[in-house]
Amino acid sequence: MGKDGDGLISSVRELHDNAMVLAQQALWSRDHGELTVAADYTRRAYALESEAAGRIAKEPRSEPTRSILYRSAASLAYQANEFTVAQRLVFEGLSGYPPPTIEQELRDLYDQLNFARHAQVHGITLGQDGVQLALAGDAVATGQVIYNVFRKRSEAIVNIFDRTMRRMMGQPYQKGGTTPDTVRPFQPVITTPMPGSFAVVLQLLPRLNQQLPLGVTGRRIINDAMTNIDLLQRDQTAELQGRFTDERYYRNFVSQAKLLAPDEDGVNLVGLTTVDRIVEFTRKTNDPLC
């Protein structure tokens, strides 16, 4: 390859390396609650990554580099909630000559983008103590879902919230048996399913005449559980385990997460949406989750 080709490779690599630095900064900011800063880093990252991809010719010998860069750029745009941009980048990646594995990853990302559009809350008011649970896959149709598929995951997320509540209240781990209401001051309530696919809103409402523990709210319980699911999704095992002072609570969370996760029963994505964030759980239950 001549000097011009060497220069092109150098410029593409530099753009990609700078994009990855920004992506890491975005991840750090997101993990530390600096969401506005994280969004800015992510937007800058996908702009650089898409520029790098755009500099590579659409020809067979450019693969798999070209499609990998477009997949990366689309993923970053998706993380920045720029869904239209992300879809365009997916199409660009597919329009070349991607190898089968990258092509499938691009198509999977497109499915996630479609789901993310639905997961955004429209026409419904979510309270601070509410979370939308949505399922996507072959077992799901508009407003319909196979009962056992929904039941398993609704019970799993309720159990995760329940154990999160007890852990936040400082209760010792209890494997089973009945628990008095004094240590279960919240009760889960499911509202009417939402149209569009299968999604319901789950709220953690205080029991009547129940004294709430200081600092423990439905919103904090839901946010804590979603953070743990997000860490599991991103394979941040060490950070996840460090959030549990009692190993038994950690093991229980992982076991319930495996029930919540997609598997071979027709669900390929489980989405959780609050007024503050969206967590998409796509890791399969037969993956080595932890």
C-alpha atoms as a PDB file:
ATOM      1  CA  MET A   1       0.000   0.000   0.000  1.00  0.00           C
ATOM      2  CA  GLY A   2       1.317   3.459  -0.911  1.00  0.00           C
ATOM      3  CA  LYS A   3       1.790   6.528   1.199  1.00  0.00           C
ATOM      4  CA  ASP A   4      -1.791   7.661   0.660  1.00  0.00           C
ATOM      5  CA  GLY A   5      -3.052   4.294   1.903  1.00  0.00           C
ATOM      6  CA  ASP A   6      -0.747   4.423   4.898  1.00  0.00           C
ATOM      7  CA  GLY A   7      -2.009   7.897   5.702  1.00  0.00           C
ATOM      8  CA  LEU A   8      -5.618   6.756   5.453  1.00  0.00           C
ATOM      9  CA  ILE A   9      -5.002   3.875   7.854  1.00  0.00           C
ATOM     10  CA  SER A  10      -3.252   6.215  10.249  1.00  0.00           C
ATOM     11  CA  SER A  11      -6.103   8.744  10.207  1.00  0.00           C
ATOM     12  CA  VAL A  12      -8.746   6.028  10.683  1.00  0.00           C
ATOM     13  CA  ARG A  13      -6.817   4.515  13.576  1.00  0.00           C
ATOM     14  CA  GLU A  14      -6.365   7.909  15.212  1.00  0.00           C
ATOM     15  CA  LEU A  15     -10.079   8.702  14.941  1.00  0.00           C
ATOM     16  CA  HIS A  16     -10.974   5.280  16.343  1.00  0.00           C
ATOM     17  CA  ASP A  17      -8.497   5.541  19.234  1.00  0.00           C
ATOM     18  CA  ASN A  18      -9.827   8.997  20.169  1.00  0.00           C
ATOM     19  CA  ALA A  19     -13.397   7.691  20.009  1.00  0.00           C
ATOM     20  CA  MET A  20     -12.525   4.835  22.374  1.00  0.00           C
ATOM     21  CA  VAL A  21     -10.936   7.263  24.858  1.00  0.00           C
ATOM     22  CA  LEU A  22     -14.140   9.311  24.864  1.00  0.00           C
ATOM     23  CA  ALA A  23     -16.239   6.147  25.224  1.00  0.00           C
ATOM     24  CA  GLN A  24     -14.253   5.133  28.301  1.00  0.00           C
ATOM     25  CA  GLN A  25     -14.701   8.618  29.766  1.00  0.00           C
ATOM     26  CA  ALA A  26     -18.429   8.332  29.101  1.00  0.00           C
ATOM     27  CA  LEU A  27     -18.572   4.984  30.880  1.00  0.00           C
ATOM     28  CA  TRP A  28     -16.729   6.361  33.918  1.00  0.00           C
ATOM     29  CA  SER A  29     -19.005   9.411  34.060  1.00  0.00           C
ATOM     30  CA  ARG A  30     -22.138   7.261  33.745  1.00  0.00           C
ATOM     31  CA  ASP A  31     -21.010   4.946  36.527  1.00  0.00           C
ATOM     32  CA  HIS A  32     -20.454   7.979  38.782  1.00  0.00           C
ATOM     33  CA  GLY A  33     -23.855   9.495  38.106  1.00  0.00           C
ATOM     34  CA  GLU A  34     -22.636  12.266  35.783  1.00  0.00           C
ATOM     35  CA  LEU A  35     -25.221  11.509  33.115  1.00  0.00           C
ATOM     36  CA  THR A  36     -25.078  14.824  31.242  1.00  0.00           C
ATOM     37  CA  VAL A  37     -21.293  14.632  30.967  1.00  0.00           C
ATOM     38  CA  ALA A  38     -21.517  10.973  29.897  1.00  0.00           C
ATOM     39  CA  ALA A  39     -24.013  11.828  27.150  1.00  0.00           C
ATOM     40  CA  ASP A  40     -21.693  14.534  25.796  1.00  0.00           C
ATOM     41  CA  TYR A  41     -18.709  12.168  25.734  1.00  0.00           C
ATOM     42  CA  THR A  42     -20.791   9.499  23.992  1.00  0.00           C
ATOM     43  CA  ARG A  43     -22.041  11.882  21.286  1.00  0.00           C
ATOM     44  CA  ARG A  44     -18.472  13.000  20.591  1.00  0.00           C
ATOM     45  CA  ALA A  45     -17.315   9.384  20.516  1.00  0.00           C
ATOM     46  CA  TYR A  46     -19.861   8.208  17.946  1.00  0.00           C
ATOM     47  CA  ALA A  47     -19.144  11.259  15.768  1.00  0.00           C
ATOM     48  CA  LEU A  48     -15.457  10.319  15.602  1.00  0.00           C
ATOM     49  CA  GLU A  49     -16.171   6.617  15.113  1.00  0.00           C
ATOM     50  CA  SER A  50     -18.643   7.253  12.291  1.00  0.00           C
ATOM     51  CA  GLU A  51     -16.126   9.586  10.623  1.00  0.00           C
ATOM     52  CA  ALA A  52     -13.517   6.829  10.826  1.00  0.00           C
ATOM     53  CA  ALA A  53     -15.932   4.310   9.279  1.00  0.00           C
ATOM     54  CA  GLY A  54     -16.897   6.756   6.532  1.00  0.00           C
ATOM     55  CA  ARG A  55     -13.289   7.059   5.395  1.00  0.00           C
ATOM     56  CA  ILE A  56     -13.102   3.371   4.454  1.00  0.00           C
ATOM     57  CA  ALA A  57     -14.125   2.338   0.956  1.00  0.00           C
ATOM     58  CA  LYS A  58     -17.165   0.104   0.541  1.00  0.00           C
ATOM     59  CA  GLU A  59     -15.428  -2.885  -0.995  1.00  0.00           C
ATOM     60  CA  PRO A  60     -14.768  -6.498   0.045  1.00  0.00           C
ATOM     61  CA  ARG A  61     -11.129  -5.944   0.931  1.00  0.00           C
ATOM     62  CA  SER A  62     -12.149  -3.300   3.496  1.00  0.00           C
ATOM     63  CA  GLU A  63     -13.825  -5.939   5.640  1.00  0.00           C
ATOM     64  CA  PRO A  64     -14.193  -6.686   8.452  1.00  0.00           C
ATOM     65  CA  THR A  65     -12.750  -3.295   9.497  1.00  0.00           C
ATOM     66  CA  ARG A  66     -15.457  -1.230   7.839  1.00  0.00           C
ATOM     67  CA  SER A  67     -18.443  -3.089   9.285  1.00  0.00           C
ATOM     68  CA  ILE A  68     -16.811  -3.321  12.730  1.00  0.00           C
ATOM     69  CA  LEU A  69     -16.354   0.447  12.823  1.00  0.00           C
ATOM     70  CA  TYR A  70     -19.952   1.031  11.728  1.00  0.00           C
ATOM     71  CA  ARG A  71     -21.166  -1.422  14.375  1.00  0.00           C
ATOM     72  CA  SER A  72     -19.139   0.446  17.007  1.00  0.00           C
ATOM     73  CA  ALA A  73     -20.369   3.860  15.821  1.00  0.00           C
ATOM     74  CA  ALA A  74     -23.989   2.670  15.803  1.00  0.00           C
ATOM     75  CA  SER A  75     -23.625   1.238  19.304  1.00  0.00           C
ATOM     76  CA  LEU A  76     -22.236   4.543  20.597  1.00  0.00           C
ATOM     77  CA  ALA A  77     -25.036   6.501  18.928  1.00  0.00           C
ATOM     78  CA  TYR A  78     -27.508   4.086  20.508  1.00  0.00           C
ATOM     79  CA  GLN A  79     -25.974   4.706  23.942  1.00  0.00           C
ATOM     80  CA  ALA A  80     -26.423   8.440  23.315  1.00  0.00           C
ATOM     81  CA  ASN A  81     -30.134   7.818  22.569  1.00  0.00           C
ATOM     82  CA  GLU A  82     -29.577   9.007  18.987  1.00  0.00           C
ATOM     83  CA  PHE A  83     -31.681   6.197  17.586  1.00  0.00           C
ATOM     84  CA  THR A  84     -32.208   7.599  14.079  1.00  0.00           C
ATOM     85  CA  VAL A  85     -28.473   8.165  13.667  1.00  0.00           C
ATOM     86  CA  ALA A  86     -27.750   4.698  15.021  1.00  0.00           C
ATOM     87  CA  GLN A  87     -30.144   3.069  12.546  1.00  0.00           C
ATOM     88  CA  ARG A  88     -28.503   4.916   9.656  1.00  0.00           C
ATOM     89  CA  LEU A  89     -25.086   3.685  10.808  1.00  0.00           C
ATOM     90  CA  VAL A  90     -26.388   0.113  11.043  1.00  0.00           C
ATOM     91  CA  PHE A  91     -27.666   0.352   7.456  1.00  0.00           C
ATOM     92  CA  GLU A  92     -24.297   1.688   6.320  1.00  0.00           C
ATOM     93  CA  GLY A  93     -22.557  -1.263   7.943  1.00  0.00           C
ATOM     94  CA  LEU A  94     -24.949  -3.734   6.332  1.00  0.00           C
ATOM     95  CA  SER A  95     -24.630  -2.085   2.918  1.00  0.00           C
ATOM     96  CA  GLY A  96     -21.016  -3.232   2.567  1.00  0.00           C
ATOM     97  CA  TYR A  97     -19.667  -6.758   2.769  1.00  0.00           C
ATOM     98  CA  PRO A  98     -19.772  -7.634   6.490  1.00  0.00           C
ATOM     99  CA  PRO A  99     -18.786 -11.163   7.491  1.00  0.00           C
ATOM    100  CA  PRO A 100     -21.674 -13.266   8.866  1.00  0.00           C
ATOM    101  CA  THR A 101     -20.891 -12.705  12.554  1.00  0.00           C
ATOM    102  CA  ILE A 102     -20.694  -8.910  12.217  1.00  0.00           C
ATOM    103  CA  GLU A 103     -23.789  -8.877  10.011  1.00  0.00           C
ATOM    104  CA  GLN A 104     -25.738 -10.693  12.724  1.00  0.00           C
ATOM    105  CA  GLU A 105     -24.474  -8.305  15.383  1.00  0.00           C
ATOM    106  CA  LEU A 106     -25.596  -5.347  13.261  1.00  0.00           C
ATOM    107  CA  ARG A 107     -29.042  -6.907  12.826  1.00  0.00           C
ATOM    108  CA  ASP A 108     -29.279  -7.605  16.569  1.00  0.00           C
ATOM    109  CA  LEU A 109     -28.390  -3.986  17.249  1.00  0.00           C
ATOM    110  CA  TYR A 110     -31.135  -2.876  14.869  1.00  0.00           C
ATOM    111  CA  ASP A 111     -33.638  -4.982  16.838  1.00  0.00           C
ATOM    112  CA  GLN A 112     -32.443  -3.341  20.062  1.00  0.00           C
ATOM    113  CA  LEU A 113     -32.896   0.089  18.495  1.00  0.00           C
ATOM    114  CA  ASN A 114     -36.483  -0.711  17.597  1.00  0.00           C
ATOM    115  CA  PHE A 115     -37.090  -1.935  21.119  1.00  0.00           C
ATOM    116  CA  ALA A 116     -35.475   1.164  22.635  1.00  0.00           C
ATOM    117  CA  ARG A 117     -37.892   3.364  20.714  1.00  0.00           C
ATOM    118  CA  HIS A 118     -40.748   1.461  22.286  1.00  0.00           C
ATOM    119  CA  ALA A 119     -39.137   1.456  25.715  1.00  0.00           C
ATOM    120  CA  GLN A 120     -39.220   5.231  25.814  1.00  0.00           C
ATOM    121  CA  VAL A 121     -42.286   6.129  27.828  1.00  0.00           C
ATOM    122  CA  HIS A 122     -44.991   7.739  25.697  1.00  0.00           C
ATOM    123  CA  GLY A 123     -48.531   8.532  26.721  1.00  0.00           C
ATOM    124  CA  ILE A 124     -48.056   7.385  30.299  1.00  0.00           C
ATOM    125  CA  THR A 125     -46.893   9.047  33.475  1.00  0.00           C
ATOM    126  CA  LEU A 126     -44.392   7.015  35.450  1.00  0.00           C
ATOM    127  CA  GLY A 127     -44.135   7.981  39.084  1.00  0.00           C
ATOM    128  CA  GLN A 128     -40.824   7.987  40.923  1.00  0.00           C
ATOM    129  CA  ASP A 129     -41.775   4.628  42.420  1.00  0.00           C
ATOM    130  CA  GLY A 130     -42.613   2.961  39.105  1.00  0.00           C
ATOM    131  CA  VAL A 131     -40.758   0.962  36.464  1.00  0.00           C
ATOM    132  CA  GLN A 132     -41.914  -0.249  33.065  1.00  0.00           C
ATOM    133  CA  LEU A 133     -41.173  -3.914  32.396  1.00  0.00           C
ATOM    134  CA  ALA A 134     -41.215  -4.767  28.693  1.00  0.00           C
ATOM    135  CA  LEU A 135     -40.488  -8.019  26.867  1.00  0.00           C
ATOM    136  CA  ALA A 136     -39.495  -8.538  23.245  1.00  0.00           C
ATOM    137  CA  GLY A 137     -39.152 -11.713  21.213  1.00  0.00           C
ATOM    138  CA  ASP A 138     -41.088 -14.417  19.396  1.00  0.00           C
ATOM    139  CA  ALA A 139     -43.230 -15.138  22.462  1.00  0.00           C
ATOM    140  CA  VAL A 140     -44.495 -11.556  22.457  1.00  0.00           C
ATOM    141  CA  ALA A 141     -47.079  -9.875  20.238  1.00  0.00           C
ATOM    142  CA  THR A 142     -48.862  -6.548  20.432  1.00  0.00           C
ATOM    143  CA  GLY A 143     -50.403  -6.532  23.896  1.00  0.00           C
ATOM    144  CA  GLN A 144     -49.983 -10.288  24.238  1.00  0.00           C
ATOM    145  CA  VAL A 145     -47.451 -12.634  25.768  1.00  0.00           C
ATOM    146  CA  ILE A 146     -47.314 -16.328  26.638  1.00  0.00           C
ATOM    147  CA  TYR A 147     -48.380 -16.425  30.261  1.00  0.00           C
ATOM    148  CA  ASN A 148     -45.545 -18.530  31.688  1.00  0.00           C
ATOM    149  CA  VAL A 149     -42.969 -16.375  29.903  1.00  0.00           C
ATOM    150  CA  PHE A 150     -44.324 -13.245  31.582  1.00  0.00           C
ATOM    151  CA  ARG A 151     -45.022 -14.888  34.928  1.00  0.00           C
ATOM    152  CA  LYS A 152     -41.449 -16.141  35.351  1.00  0.00           C
ATOM    153  CA  ARG A 153     -39.948 -12.712  34.701  1.00  0.00           C
ATOM    154  CA  SER A 154     -42.493 -10.689  36.639  1.00  0.00           C
ATOM    155  CA  GLU A 155     -41.925 -12.910  39.676  1.00  0.00           C
ATOM    156  CA  ALA A 156     -38.158 -12.632  39.239  1.00  0.00           C
ATOM    157  CA  ILE A 157     -38.131  -8.822  39.139  1.00  0.00           C
ATOM    158  CA  VAL A 158     -40.509  -8.629  42.119  1.00  0.00           C
ATOM    159  CA  ASN A 159     -38.201 -10.957  44.054  1.00  0.00           C
ATOM    160  CA  ILE A 160     -35.206  -8.820  43.107  1.00  0.00           C
ATOM    161  CA  PHE A 161     -36.984  -5.711  44.377  1.00  0.00           C
ATOM    162  CA  ASP A 162     -38.034  -7.506  47.553  1.00  0.00           C
ATOM    163  CA  ARG A 163     -34.495  -8.662  48.376  1.00  0.00           C
ATOM    164  CA  THR A 164     -33.141  -5.223  47.481  1.00  0.00           C
ATOM    165  CA  MET A 165     -35.600  -3.649  49.904  1.00  0.00           C
ATOM    166  CA  ARG A 166     -34.621  -6.002  52.746  1.00  0.00           C
ATOM    167  CA  ARG A 167     -30.907  -5.475  52.077  1.00  0.00           C
ATOM    168  CA  MET A 168     -31.301  -1.687  52.080  1.00  0.00           C
ATOM    169  CA  MET A 169     -33.202  -1.920  55.361  1.00  0.00           C
ATOM    170  CA  GLY A 170     -30.302  -3.843  56.925  1.00  0.00           C
ATOM    171  CA  GLN A 171     -32.301  -7.027  57.397  1.00  0.00           C
ATOM    172  CA  PRO A 172     -30.288 -10.258  57.760  1.00  0.00           C
ATOM    173  CA  TYR A 173     -30.648 -12.618  54.831  1.00  0.00           C
ATOM    174  CA  GLN A 174     -33.587 -14.999  55.192  1.00  0.00           C
ATOM    175  CA  LYS A 175     -33.712 -17.924  52.771  1.00  0.00           C
ATOM    176  CA  GLY A 176     -37.444 -18.568  53.003  1.00  0.00           C
ATOM    177  CA  GLY A 177     -40.492 -18.581  55.217  1.00  0.00           C
ATOM    178  CA  THR A 178     -43.014 -15.858  55.949  1.00  0.00           C
ATOM    179  CA  THR A 179     -41.864 -12.331  56.645  1.00  0.00           C
ATOM    180  CA  PRO A 180     -43.890  -9.829  58.720  1.00  0.00           C
ATOM    181  CA  ASP A 181     -45.108  -6.671  56.983  1.00  0.00           C
ATOM    182  CA  THR A 182     -42.970  -4.576  59.320  1.00  0.00           C
ATOM    183  CA  VAL A 183     -39.923  -5.583  57.250  1.00  0.00           C
ATOM    184  CA  ARG A 184     -41.831  -5.431  53.959  1.00  0.00           C
ATOM    185  CA  PRO A 185     -43.330  -1.942  53.961  1.00  0.00           C
ATOM    186  CA  PHE A 186     -43.806  -1.859  50.163  1.00  0.00           C
ATOM    187  CA  GLN A 187     -46.084  -3.940  47.994  1.00  0.00           C
ATOM    188  CA  PRO A 188     -45.766  -4.381  44.218  1.00  0.00           C
ATOM    189  CA  VAL A 189     -48.694  -3.310  42.049  1.00  0.00           C
ATOM    190  CA  ILE A 190     -48.978  -3.996  38.296  1.00  0.00           C
ATOM    191  CA  THR A 191     -50.952  -1.524  36.220  1.00  0.00           C
ATOM    192  CA  THR A 192     -52.689  -1.977  32.860  1.00  0.00           C
ATOM    193  CA  PRO A 193     -50.468  -3.323  30.070  1.00  0.00           C
ATOM    194  CA  MET A 194     -49.259  -0.704  27.612  1.00  0.00           C
ATOM    195  CA  PRO A 195     -50.011  -0.934  23.870  1.00  0.00           C
ATOM    196  CA  GLY A 196     -47.295  -1.383  21.255  1.00  0.00           C
ATOM    197  CA  SER A 197     -45.798  -4.670  22.435  1.00  0.00           C
ATOM    198  CA  PHE A 198     -46.021  -6.311  25.842  1.00  0.00           C
ATOM    199  CA  ALA A 199     -45.170  -3.900  28.611  1.00  0.00           C
ATOM    200  CA  VAL A 200     -46.591  -3.285  32.079  1.00  0.00           C
ATOM    201  CA  VAL A 201     -45.817  -0.765  34.789  1.00  0.00           C
ATOM    202  CA  LEU A 202     -44.782  -2.136  38.161  1.00  0.00           C
ATOM    203  CA  GLN A 203     -45.018   0.187  41.167  1.00  0.00           C
ATOM    204  CA  LEU A 204     -43.731  -0.242  44.706  1.00  0.00           C
ATOM    205  CA  LEU A 205     -46.388   1.362  46.868  1.00  0.00           C
ATOM    206  CA  PRO A 206     -46.205   1.791  50.656  1.00  0.00           C
ATOM    207  CA  ARG A 207     -48.576  -0.372  52.620  1.00  0.00           C
ATOM    208  CA  LEU A 208     -51.367   1.448  54.414  1.00  0.00           C
ATOM    209  CA  ASN A 209     -50.508   2.725  57.891  1.00  0.00           C
ATOM    210  CA  GLN A 210     -46.957   1.416  57.514  1.00  0.00           C
ATOM    211  CA  GLN A 211     -43.999   3.372  58.885  1.00  0.00           C
ATOM    212  CA  LEU A 212     -41.371   3.627  56.156  1.00  0.00           C
ATOM    213  CA  PRO A 213     -37.699   3.115  57.046  1.00  0.00           C
ATOM    214  CA  LEU A 214     -35.585   6.250  56.887  1.00  0.00           C
ATOM    215  CA  GLY A 215     -34.124   6.745  53.416  1.00  0.00           C
ATOM    216  CA  VAL A 216     -35.770   3.663  51.888  1.00  0.00           C
ATOM    217  CA  THR A 217     -38.150   4.560  49.061  1.00  0.00           C
ATOM    218  CA  GLY A 218     -39.639   2.738  46.133  1.00  0.00           C
ATOM    219  CA  ARG A 219     -37.521   4.830  43.804  1.00  0.00           C
ATOM    220  CA  ARG A 220     -34.260   3.919  45.591  1.00  0.00           C
ATOM    221  CA  ILE A 221     -35.143   0.231  45.634  1.00  0.00           C
ATOM    222  CA  ILE A 222     -35.887   0.196  41.897  1.00  0.00           C
ATOM    223  CA  ASN A 223     -32.810   2.239  41.006  1.00  0.00           C
ATOM    224  CA  ASP A 224     -30.526   0.011  43.095  1.00  0.00           C
ATOM    225  CA  ALA A 225     -31.880  -3.136  41.452  1.00  0.00           C
ATOM    226  CA  MET A 226     -31.576  -1.642  37.963  1.00  0.00           C
ATOM    227  CA  THR A 227     -27.968  -0.625  38.631  1.00  0.00           C
ATOM    228  CA  ASN A 228     -27.165  -4.209  39.605  1.00  0.00           C
ATOM    229  CA  ILE A 229     -28.878  -5.583  36.488  1.00  0.00           C
ATOM    230  CA  ASP A 230     -26.992  -3.072  34.337  1.00  0.00           C
ATOM    231  CA  LEU A 231     -23.659  -4.109  35.884  1.00  0.00           C
ATOM    232  CA  LEU A 232     -24.517  -7.752  35.225  1.00  0.00           C
ATOM    233  CA  GLN A 233     -25.417  -6.915  31.626  1.00  0.00           C
ATOM    234  CA  ARG A 234     -22.055  -5.163  31.150  1.00  0.00           C
ATOM    235  CA  ASP A 235     -20.164  -8.033  32.817  1.00  0.00           C
ATOM    236  CA  GLN A 236     -18.866  -5.786  35.609  1.00  0.00           C
ATOM    237  CA  THR A 237     -18.794  -8.689  38.064  1.00  0.00           C
ATOM    238  CA  ALA A 238     -16.280  -7.263  40.538  1.00  0.00           C
ATOM    239  CA  GLU A 239     -18.138  -3.967  40.889  1.00  0.00           C
ATOM    240  CA  LEU A 240     -21.462  -5.792  41.164  1.00  0.00           C
ATOM    241  CA  GLN A 241     -20.270  -8.154  43.877  1.00  0.00           C
ATOM    242  CA  GLY A 242     -18.751  -5.249  45.788  1.00  0.00           C
ATOM    243  CA  ARG A 243     -22.213  -3.739  46.226  1.00  0.00           C
ATOM    244  CA  PHE A 244     -23.283  -6.674  48.436  1.00  0.00           C
ATOM    245  CA  THR A 245     -21.935  -6.999  51.958  1.00  0.00           C
ATOM    246  CA  ASP A 246     -23.688 -10.344  52.406  1.00  0.00           C
ATOM    247  CA  GLU A 247     -22.684 -13.021  49.883  1.00  0.00           C
ATOM    248  CA  ARG A 248     -26.083 -14.679  50.240  1.00  0.00           C
ATOM    249  CA  TYR A 249     -27.869 -11.577  48.942  1.00  0.00           C
ATOM    250  CA  TYR A 250     -25.468 -11.534  45.993  1.00  0.00           C
ATOM    251  CA  ARG A 251     -26.074 -15.184  45.131  1.00  0.00           C
ATOM    252  CA  ASN A 252     -29.835 -14.691  45.408  1.00  0.00           C
ATOM    253  CA  PHE A 253     -29.669 -11.688  43.058  1.00  0.00           C
ATOM    254  CA  VAL A 254     -27.758 -13.681  40.453  1.00  0.00           C
ATOM    255  CA  SER A 255     -30.205 -16.592  40.642  1.00  0.00           C
ATOM    256  CA  GLN A 256     -33.192 -14.278  40.152  1.00  0.00           C
ATOM    257  CA  ALA A 257     -31.414 -12.417  37.353  1.00  0.00           C
ATOM    258  CA  LYS A 258     -31.025 -15.715  35.513  1.00  0.00           C
ATOM    259  CA  LEU A 259     -34.804 -16.168  35.678  1.00  0.00           C
ATOM    260  CA  LEU A 260     -35.307 -12.616  34.432  1.00  0.00           C
ATOM    261  CA  ALA A 261     -32.813 -12.965  31.550  1.00  0.00           C
ATOM    262  CA  PRO A 262     -33.739 -13.895  27.967  1.00  0.00           C
ATOM    263  CA  ASP A 263     -33.550 -17.588  27.119  1.00  0.00           C
ATOM    264  CA  GLU A 264     -34.891 -20.068  24.579  1.00  0.00           C
ATOM    265  CA  ASP A 265     -38.565 -19.520  25.474  1.00  0.00           C
ATOM    266  CA  GLY A 266     -39.103 -16.715  22.965  1.00  0.00           C
ATOM    267  CA  VAL A 267     -37.767 -13.655  24.787  1.00  0.00           C
ATOM    268  CA  ASN A 268     -34.610 -12.009  23.451  1.00  0.00           C
ATOM    269  CA  LEU A 269     -34.697  -8.784  25.438  1.00  0.00           C
ATOM    270  CA  VAL A 270     -36.032  -7.636  28.814  1.00  0.00           C
ATOM    271  CA  GLY A 271     -36.310  -3.879  29.204  1.00  0.00           C
ATOM    272  CA  LEU A 272     -36.690  -1.822  32.377  1.00  0.00           C
ATOM    273  CA  THR A 273     -37.587   1.859  32.075  1.00  0.00           C
ATOM    274  CA  THR A 274     -38.005   4.536  34.751  1.00  0.00           C
ATOM    275  CA  VAL A 275     -38.294   8.312  34.535  1.00  0.00           C
ATOM    276  CA  ASP A 276     -34.498   8.453  34.867  1.00  0.00           C
ATOM    277  CA  ARG A 277     -33.062   5.606  32.803  1.00  0.00           C
ATOM    278  CA  ILE A 278     -33.416   2.568  30.561  1.00  0.00           C
ATOM    279  CA  VAL A 279     -31.717  -0.767  31.217  1.00  0.00           C
ATOM    280  CA  GLU A 280     -31.861  -3.427  28.526  1.00  0.00           C
ATOM    281  CA  PHE A 281     -31.057  -6.963  29.640  1.00  0.00           C
ATOM    282  CA  THR A 282     -29.965  -9.084  26.665  1.00  0.00           C
ATOM    283  CA  ARG A 283     -27.535 -11.557  28.225  1.00  0.00           C
ATOM    284  CA  LYS A 284     -28.906 -15.090  27.911  1.00  0.00           C
ATOM    285  CA  THR A 285     -29.626 -17.123  31.010  1.00  0.00           C
ATOM    286  CA  ASN A 286     -27.280 -19.863  29.764  1.00  0.00           C
ATOM    287  CA  ASP A 287     -24.397 -17.374  29.590  1.00  0.00           C
ATOM    288  CA  PRO A 288     -21.915 -17.510  32.496  1.00  0.00           C
ATOM    289  CA  LEU A 289     -23.639 -14.540  34.129  1.00  0.00           C
ATOM    290  CA  CYS A 290     -21.336 -14.572  37.155  1.00  0.00           C
END
